[in-house]
Amino acid sequence: MKLRNTRNQARRAAFTLMEMMVVVAIIVALAGASIYFMGGQIDEGNKAKAQTGVKQLSDMVMTFKAQHAGVYPTSLQDLLLKDDQGRGPYITKQEDLIDPWGNQYQFDPAGARNNQNQPDVWTSHPTLGTFGNWSNRWQR
């Protein structure tokens, strides 16, 4: 009798293939669900980063104006340069002029969307729309 119990215990010491497949299926389902829900968070992070980039560039444009007798830069590239009097650069890296999706931030020194009060700085995304320094929200 003792021999028979020992043999059953030895035979049942490992998991069966079916048990392993169930565990793997559960892990795959949980991983798939988490990737699905986290995908939206990446978009939200990129939106926030783009909004921050627009606001920072707009602030740097206003700083440029304050230090250059009320004259705005002609392009965002001017923020990377040091002038004759040693003022600047206002932005240290070329990457600061690129939005999270790899596109250049846009700049209009005429400021048509800001009623000519200050230059327009914005970024656009095909599905999210446009975000600029004239509004606090994305516009489609």
N, C-alpha and C. Protein backbone atom coordinates (compact mmCIF):
# COMPACT_ATOMS: atom_id res chain seq x y z
N MET A 1 0.81 -1.19 0.00
CA MET A 1 0.00 0.00 0.00
C MET A 1 0.86 1.26 0.00
N LYS A 2 1.89 1.26 0.81
CA LYS A 2 2.78 2.41 0.83
C LYS A 2 3.48 2.62 -0.50
N LEU A 3 3.81 1.59 -1.17
CA LEU A 3 4.48 1.70 -2.46
C LEU A 3 3.58 2.39 -3.49
N ARG A 4 2.31 2.07 -3.45
CA ARG A 4 1.37 2.66 -4.39
C ARG A 4 1.22 4.17 -4.15
N ASN A 5 1.15 4.64 -2.91
CA ASN A 5 1.03 6.07 -2.62
C ASN A 5 2.28 6.83 -3.06
N THR A 6 3.43 6.24 -2.85
CA THR A 6 4.67 6.88 -3.26
C THR A 6 4.71 7.04 -4.78
N ARG A 7 4.24 6.03 -5.50
CA ARG A 7 4.24 6.08 -6.95
C ARG A 7 3.30 7.18 -7.45
N ASN A 8 2.12 7.35 -6.85
CA ASN A 8 1.18 8.40 -7.26
C ASN A 8 1.75 9.79 -6.98
N GLN A 9 2.40 9.95 -5.86
CA GLN A 9 2.97 11.25 -5.53
C GLN A 9 4.10 11.61 -6.49
N ALA A 10 4.91 10.65 -6.84
CA ALA A 10 6.01 10.91 -7.76
C ALA A 10 5.49 11.26 -9.14
N ARG A 11 4.42 10.61 -9.55
CA ARG A 11 3.85 10.87 -10.86
C ARG A 11 3.17 12.25 -10.91
N ARG A 12 2.69 12.74 -9.80
CA ARG A 12 1.94 14.00 -9.74
C ARG A 12 2.82 15.17 -9.28
N ALA A 13 4.12 15.06 -9.31
CA ALA A 13 5.03 16.09 -8.80
C ALA A 13 5.17 17.27 -9.75
N ALA A 14 4.83 17.17 -11.03
CA ALA A 14 5.00 18.25 -12.00
C ALA A 14 3.64 18.72 -12.50
N PHE A 15 3.63 19.90 -13.18
CA PHE A 15 2.40 20.41 -13.77
C PHE A 15 2.15 19.71 -15.09
N THR A 16 0.91 19.58 -15.45
CA THR A 16 0.58 18.98 -16.74
C THR A 16 0.69 20.05 -17.82
N LEU A 17 0.74 19.62 -19.04
CA LEU A 17 0.81 20.55 -20.17
C LEU A 17 -0.42 21.45 -20.21
N MET A 18 -1.57 20.90 -19.91
CA MET A 18 -2.80 21.69 -19.92
C MET A 18 -2.75 22.79 -18.86
N GLU A 19 -2.27 22.51 -17.69
CA GLU A 19 -2.16 23.53 -16.64
C GLU A 19 -1.20 24.65 -17.07
N MET A 20 -0.10 24.29 -17.67
CA MET A 20 0.86 25.28 -18.14
C MET A 20 0.25 26.16 -19.23
N MET A 21 -0.53 25.56 -20.14
CA MET A 21 -1.15 26.33 -21.21
C MET A 21 -2.19 27.31 -20.66
N VAL A 22 -2.92 26.92 -19.62
CA VAL A 22 -3.90 27.81 -19.01
C VAL A 22 -3.19 29.01 -18.38
N VAL A 23 -2.09 28.77 -17.67
CA VAL A 23 -1.33 29.85 -17.05
C VAL A 23 -0.78 30.80 -18.11
N VAL A 24 -0.22 30.28 -19.16
CA VAL A 24 0.32 31.11 -20.23
C VAL A 24 -0.79 31.92 -20.89
N ALA A 25 -1.95 31.32 -21.10
CA ALA A 25 -3.08 32.04 -21.71
C ALA A 25 -3.53 33.20 -20.81
N ILE A 26 -3.55 33.00 -19.51
CA ILE A 26 -3.94 34.06 -18.59
C ILE A 26 -2.92 35.20 -18.63
N ILE A 27 -1.65 34.87 -18.65
CA ILE A 27 -0.60 35.90 -18.70
C ILE A 27 -0.69 36.70 -20.00
N VAL A 28 -0.92 36.03 -21.12
CA VAL A 28 -1.04 36.72 -22.41
C VAL A 28 -2.26 37.63 -22.41
N ALA A 29 -3.37 37.18 -21.85
CA ALA A 29 -4.58 38.01 -21.80
C ALA A 29 -4.35 39.25 -20.95
N LEU A 30 -3.70 39.11 -19.80
CA LEU A 30 -3.42 40.26 -18.94
C LEU A 30 -2.45 41.24 -19.62
N ALA A 31 -1.44 40.72 -20.28
CA ALA A 31 -0.48 41.58 -20.97
C ALA A 31 -1.16 42.33 -22.11
N GLY A 32 -2.01 41.66 -22.87
CA GLY A 32 -2.72 42.32 -23.97
C GLY A 32 -3.64 43.42 -23.48
N ALA A 33 -4.34 43.17 -22.39
CA ALA A 33 -5.23 44.19 -21.83
C ALA A 33 -4.45 45.39 -21.33
N SER A 34 -3.33 45.15 -20.68
CA SER A 34 -2.55 46.28 -20.15
C SER A 34 -1.94 47.10 -21.29
N ILE A 35 -1.49 46.47 -22.35
CA ILE A 35 -0.94 47.20 -23.49
C ILE A 35 -2.04 48.05 -24.14
N TYR A 36 -3.24 47.50 -24.25
CA TYR A 36 -4.36 48.25 -24.83
C TYR A 36 -4.66 49.50 -24.03
N PHE A 37 -4.71 49.39 -22.72
CA PHE A 37 -5.03 50.54 -21.88
C PHE A 37 -3.87 51.52 -21.75
N MET A 38 -2.64 51.05 -21.81
CA MET A 38 -1.49 51.93 -21.70
C MET A 38 -1.23 52.69 -23.00
N GLY A 39 -1.71 52.19 -24.12
CA GLY A 39 -1.51 52.87 -25.40
C GLY A 39 -2.08 54.27 -25.39
N GLY A 40 -3.22 54.47 -24.77
CA GLY A 40 -3.82 55.79 -24.67
C GLY A 40 -3.01 56.73 -23.81
N GLN A 41 -2.31 56.19 -22.82
CA GLN A 41 -1.50 57.03 -21.95
C GLN A 41 -0.30 57.61 -22.68
N ILE A 42 0.23 56.88 -23.64
CA ILE A 42 1.35 57.39 -24.43
C ILE A 42 0.90 58.60 -25.25
N ASP A 43 -0.29 58.52 -25.83
CA ASP A 43 -0.81 59.66 -26.59
C ASP A 43 -1.03 60.86 -25.68
N GLU A 44 -1.55 60.62 -24.49
CA GLU A 44 -1.78 61.72 -23.55
C GLU A 44 -0.45 62.37 -23.14
N GLY A 45 0.58 61.54 -22.95
CA GLY A 45 1.90 62.08 -22.61
C GLY A 45 2.47 62.92 -23.73
N ASN A 46 2.31 62.46 -24.96
CA ASN A 46 2.80 63.23 -26.11
C ASN A 46 2.04 64.55 -26.27
N LYS A 47 0.74 64.53 -26.01
CA LYS A 47 -0.04 65.77 -26.07
C LYS A 47 0.45 66.76 -25.03
N ALA A 48 0.68 66.28 -23.82
CA ALA A 48 1.15 67.18 -22.76
C ALA A 48 2.53 67.73 -23.08
N LYS A 49 3.39 66.89 -23.64
CA LYS A 49 4.74 67.34 -24.01
C LYS A 49 4.68 68.39 -25.11
N ALA A 50 3.78 68.20 -26.08
CA ALA A 50 3.63 69.18 -27.16
C ALA A 50 3.10 70.50 -26.62
N GLN A 51 2.14 70.45 -25.71
CA GLN A 51 1.59 71.67 -25.13
C GLN A 51 2.67 72.43 -24.36
N THR A 52 3.48 71.69 -23.61
CA THR A 52 4.57 72.32 -22.86
C THR A 52 5.58 72.94 -23.82
N GLY A 53 5.89 72.25 -24.92
CA GLY A 53 6.82 72.77 -25.91
C GLY A 53 6.33 74.07 -26.52
N VAL A 54 5.04 74.13 -26.86
CA VAL A 54 4.48 75.36 -27.44
C VAL A 54 4.57 76.50 -26.43
N LYS A 55 4.24 76.23 -25.19
CA LYS A 55 4.27 77.29 -24.17
C LYS A 55 5.70 77.76 -23.91
N GLN A 56 6.65 76.84 -23.87
CA GLN A 56 8.04 77.23 -23.64
C GLN A 56 8.58 78.06 -24.81
N LEU A 57 8.30 77.63 -26.02
CA LEU A 57 8.76 78.39 -27.18
C LEU A 57 8.12 79.78 -27.22
N SER A 58 6.86 79.86 -26.87
CA SER A 58 6.18 81.15 -26.83
C SER A 58 6.83 82.06 -25.78
N ASP A 59 7.17 81.50 -24.63
CA ASP A 59 7.86 82.27 -23.59
C ASP A 59 9.23 82.74 -24.07
N MET A 60 9.95 81.88 -24.78
CA MET A 60 11.27 82.26 -25.28
C MET A 60 11.17 83.36 -26.34
N VAL A 61 10.11 83.32 -27.15
CA VAL A 61 9.89 84.38 -28.14
C VAL A 61 9.66 85.71 -27.43
N MET A 62 8.89 85.68 -26.35
CA MET A 62 8.63 86.92 -25.60
C MET A 62 9.90 87.42 -24.90
N THR A 63 10.74 86.51 -24.42
CA THR A 63 12.02 86.90 -23.83
C THR A 63 12.92 87.54 -24.88
N PHE A 64 12.94 86.95 -26.07
CA PHE A 64 13.71 87.51 -27.18
C PHE A 64 13.25 88.94 -27.45
N LYS A 65 11.94 89.14 -27.51
CA LYS A 65 11.39 90.48 -27.78
C LYS A 65 11.82 91.46 -26.69
N ALA A 66 11.77 91.04 -25.44
CA ALA A 66 12.12 91.93 -24.33
C ALA A 66 13.59 92.36 -24.39
N GLN A 67 14.46 91.49 -24.90
CA GLN A 67 15.88 91.80 -24.94
C GLN A 67 16.33 92.41 -26.26
N HIS A 68 15.42 92.53 -27.22
CA HIS A 68 15.78 93.08 -28.53
C HIS A 68 14.89 94.26 -28.90
N ALA A 69 14.64 95.13 -27.98
CA ALA A 69 13.92 96.39 -28.20
C ALA A 69 12.57 96.20 -28.88
N GLY A 70 11.83 95.18 -28.45
CA GLY A 70 10.48 94.97 -28.97
C GLY A 70 10.39 94.29 -30.31
N VAL A 71 11.49 93.75 -30.81
CA VAL A 71 11.50 93.07 -32.11
C VAL A 71 11.40 91.56 -31.88
N TYR A 72 10.45 90.94 -32.56
CA TYR A 72 10.29 89.49 -32.46
C TYR A 72 11.29 88.78 -33.37
N PRO A 73 11.62 87.53 -33.07
CA PRO A 73 12.48 86.77 -34.00
C PRO A 73 11.75 86.51 -35.30
N THR A 74 12.50 86.35 -36.38
CA THR A 74 11.88 86.08 -37.68
C THR A 74 11.54 84.60 -37.83
N SER A 75 12.23 83.74 -37.07
CA SER A 75 11.94 82.30 -37.08
C SER A 75 12.36 81.72 -35.74
N LEU A 76 11.93 80.51 -35.48
CA LEU A 76 12.32 79.85 -34.23
C LEU A 76 13.81 79.53 -34.22
N GLN A 77 14.43 79.45 -35.38
CA GLN A 77 15.87 79.20 -35.46
C GLN A 77 16.66 80.34 -34.83
N ASP A 78 16.10 81.55 -34.83
CA ASP A 78 16.79 82.70 -34.21
C ASP A 78 16.99 82.50 -32.72
N LEU A 79 16.15 81.66 -32.10
CA LEU A 79 16.27 81.41 -30.66
C LEU A 79 17.50 80.57 -30.32
N LEU A 80 18.09 79.94 -31.33
CA LEU A 80 19.29 79.11 -31.12
C LEU A 80 20.59 79.90 -31.24
N LEU A 81 20.50 81.15 -31.66
CA LEU A 81 21.70 81.94 -31.96
C LEU A 81 22.01 82.94 -30.85
N LYS A 82 23.28 83.28 -30.77
CA LYS A 82 23.74 84.35 -29.87
C LYS A 82 23.93 85.60 -30.71
N ASP A 83 23.42 86.75 -30.23
CA ASP A 83 23.53 87.96 -31.03
C ASP A 83 24.84 88.71 -30.75
N ASP A 84 25.01 89.87 -31.38
CA ASP A 84 26.25 90.66 -31.27
C ASP A 84 26.52 91.13 -29.84
N GLN A 85 25.47 91.40 -29.08
CA GLN A 85 25.64 91.88 -27.71
C GLN A 85 25.77 90.74 -26.70
N GLY A 86 25.82 89.50 -27.16
CA GLY A 86 26.00 88.35 -26.28
C GLY A 86 24.71 87.82 -25.67
N ARG A 87 23.57 88.28 -26.16
CA ARG A 87 22.29 87.77 -25.65
C ARG A 87 21.92 86.50 -26.39
N GLY A 88 21.41 85.54 -25.64
CA GLY A 88 21.03 84.26 -26.24
C GLY A 88 22.14 83.25 -26.05
N PRO A 89 22.02 82.11 -26.53
CA PRO A 89 20.83 81.54 -27.16
C PRO A 89 19.72 81.29 -26.13
N TYR A 90 18.50 81.34 -26.59
CA TYR A 90 17.35 81.16 -25.72
C TYR A 90 16.95 79.69 -25.63
N ILE A 91 17.36 78.94 -26.64
CA ILE A 91 17.16 77.49 -26.67
C ILE A 91 18.52 76.89 -26.98
N THR A 92 18.90 75.86 -26.26
CA THR A 92 20.25 75.32 -26.41
C THR A 92 20.34 74.16 -27.40
N LYS A 93 19.22 73.48 -27.66
CA LYS A 93 19.27 72.30 -28.52
C LYS A 93 18.28 72.41 -29.68
N GLN A 94 18.70 71.95 -30.83
CA GLN A 94 17.83 71.91 -32.01
C GLN A 94 16.61 71.02 -31.75
N GLU A 95 16.76 70.00 -30.92
CA GLU A 95 15.66 69.07 -30.62
C GLU A 95 14.50 69.77 -29.93
N ASP A 96 14.76 70.91 -29.28
CA ASP A 96 13.68 71.64 -28.62
C ASP A 96 12.70 72.26 -29.61
N LEU A 97 13.08 72.30 -30.88
CA LEU A 97 12.20 72.85 -31.92
C LEU A 97 11.39 71.75 -32.62
N ILE A 98 11.48 70.51 -32.10
CA ILE A 98 10.79 69.38 -32.71
C ILE A 98 9.75 68.84 -31.73
N ASP A 99 8.53 68.63 -32.21
CA ASP A 99 7.46 68.14 -31.35
C ASP A 99 7.62 66.63 -31.09
N PRO A 100 6.81 66.04 -30.21
CA PRO A 100 6.97 64.62 -29.87
C PRO A 100 6.78 63.66 -31.04
N TRP A 101 6.18 64.11 -32.13
CA TRP A 101 5.95 63.24 -33.28
C TRP A 101 7.00 63.43 -34.36
N GLY A 102 8.03 64.23 -34.07
CA GLY A 102 9.14 64.40 -35.00
C GLY A 102 8.98 65.53 -35.99
N ASN A 103 7.97 66.37 -35.83
CA ASN A 103 7.75 67.51 -36.73
C ASN A 103 8.26 68.79 -36.08
N GLN A 104 8.61 69.77 -36.92
CA GLN A 104 9.03 71.07 -36.42
C GLN A 104 7.83 71.82 -35.84
N TYR A 105 8.04 72.52 -34.74
CA TYR A 105 7.01 73.44 -34.26
C TYR A 105 6.87 74.55 -35.32
N GLN A 106 5.66 75.02 -35.52
CA GLN A 106 5.39 76.04 -36.53
C GLN A 106 5.44 77.42 -35.89
N PHE A 107 5.78 78.42 -36.71
CA PHE A 107 5.95 79.78 -36.21
C PHE A 107 5.48 80.77 -37.26
N ASP A 108 4.68 81.74 -36.84
CA ASP A 108 4.23 82.82 -37.72
C ASP A 108 4.48 84.14 -37.00
N PRO A 109 5.51 84.89 -37.40
CA PRO A 109 5.82 86.15 -36.70
C PRO A 109 4.71 87.19 -36.82
N ALA A 110 3.83 87.08 -37.82
CA ALA A 110 2.75 88.06 -37.97
C ALA A 110 1.69 87.90 -36.88
N GLY A 111 1.53 86.70 -36.35
CA GLY A 111 0.58 86.47 -35.26
C GLY A 111 -0.87 86.60 -35.66
N ALA A 112 -1.25 86.05 -36.79
CA ALA A 112 -2.62 86.17 -37.29
C ALA A 112 -3.65 85.60 -36.31
N ARG A 113 -3.33 84.50 -35.67
CA ARG A 113 -4.28 83.88 -34.74
C ARG A 113 -4.27 84.53 -33.36
N ASN A 114 -3.25 85.29 -33.07
CA ASN A 114 -3.16 86.02 -31.80
C ASN A 114 -3.54 87.49 -31.98
N ASN A 115 -4.28 87.80 -33.03
CA ASN A 115 -4.71 89.17 -33.32
C ASN A 115 -3.53 90.14 -33.41
N GLN A 116 -2.44 89.69 -33.97
CA GLN A 116 -1.22 90.48 -34.14
C GLN A 116 -0.64 91.00 -32.82
N ASN A 117 -1.03 90.41 -31.68
CA ASN A 117 -0.48 90.81 -30.38
C ASN A 117 0.87 90.16 -30.10
N GLN A 118 1.06 88.95 -30.62
CA GLN A 118 2.32 88.22 -30.48
C GLN A 118 2.39 87.17 -31.58
N PRO A 119 3.57 86.65 -31.88
CA PRO A 119 3.68 85.63 -32.94
C PRO A 119 2.96 84.33 -32.55
N ASP A 120 2.52 83.62 -33.55
CA ASP A 120 1.87 82.33 -33.34
C ASP A 120 2.92 81.23 -33.27
N VAL A 121 2.79 80.36 -32.28
CA VAL A 121 3.62 79.15 -32.17
C VAL A 121 2.64 78.00 -32.02
N TRP A 122 2.78 76.96 -32.84
CA TRP A 122 1.85 75.84 -32.77
C TRP A 122 2.46 74.56 -33.29
N THR A 123 1.74 73.47 -33.01
CA THR A 123 2.08 72.17 -33.55
C THR A 123 0.79 71.51 -34.02
N SER A 124 0.90 70.62 -34.99
CA SER A 124 -0.27 69.93 -35.53
C SER A 124 -0.02 68.43 -35.55
N HIS A 125 -1.11 67.68 -35.40
CA HIS A 125 -1.07 66.23 -35.48
C HIS A 125 -2.26 65.80 -36.32
N PRO A 126 -2.10 64.79 -37.20
CA PRO A 126 -3.20 64.42 -38.11
C PRO A 126 -4.49 64.02 -37.41
N THR A 127 -4.41 63.34 -36.27
CA THR A 127 -5.63 62.89 -35.60
C THR A 127 -6.01 63.75 -34.40
N LEU A 128 -5.04 64.37 -33.74
CA LEU A 128 -5.33 65.15 -32.55
C LEU A 128 -5.76 66.57 -32.87
N GLY A 129 -5.28 67.11 -33.96
CA GLY A 129 -5.61 68.48 -34.34
C GLY A 129 -4.42 69.41 -34.14
N THR A 130 -4.71 70.66 -33.80
CA THR A 130 -3.70 71.71 -33.66
C THR A 130 -3.73 72.28 -32.26
N PHE A 131 -2.55 72.53 -31.71
CA PHE A 131 -2.44 73.21 -30.43
C PHE A 131 -1.50 74.38 -30.62
N GLY A 132 -1.95 75.58 -30.23
CA GLY A 132 -1.13 76.77 -30.38
C GLY A 132 -1.22 77.67 -29.18
N ASN A 133 -0.38 78.70 -29.16
CA ASN A 133 -0.32 79.61 -28.02
C ASN A 133 -1.50 80.58 -27.98
N TRP A 134 -2.45 80.46 -28.87
CA TRP A 134 -3.64 81.30 -28.86
C TRP A 134 -4.82 80.62 -28.16
N SER A 135 -4.67 79.34 -27.77
CA SER A 135 -5.76 78.60 -27.14
C SER A 135 -5.21 77.67 -26.07
N ASN A 136 -6.05 77.26 -25.15
CA ASN A 136 -5.64 76.33 -24.10
C ASN A 136 -6.06 74.90 -24.39
N ARG A 137 -6.55 74.64 -25.60
CA ARG A 137 -7.00 73.29 -25.90
C ARG A 137 -6.66 72.94 -27.36
N TRP A 138 -6.73 71.64 -27.64
CA TRP A 138 -6.49 71.15 -28.99
C TRP A 138 -7.70 71.46 -29.85
N GLN A 139 -7.46 71.89 -31.09
CA GLN A 139 -8.54 72.21 -32.02
C GLN A 139 -8.43 71.32 -33.24
N ARG A 140 -9.55 70.79 -33.65
CA ARG A 140 -9.56 69.91 -34.84
C ARG A 140 -9.97 70.69 -36.04
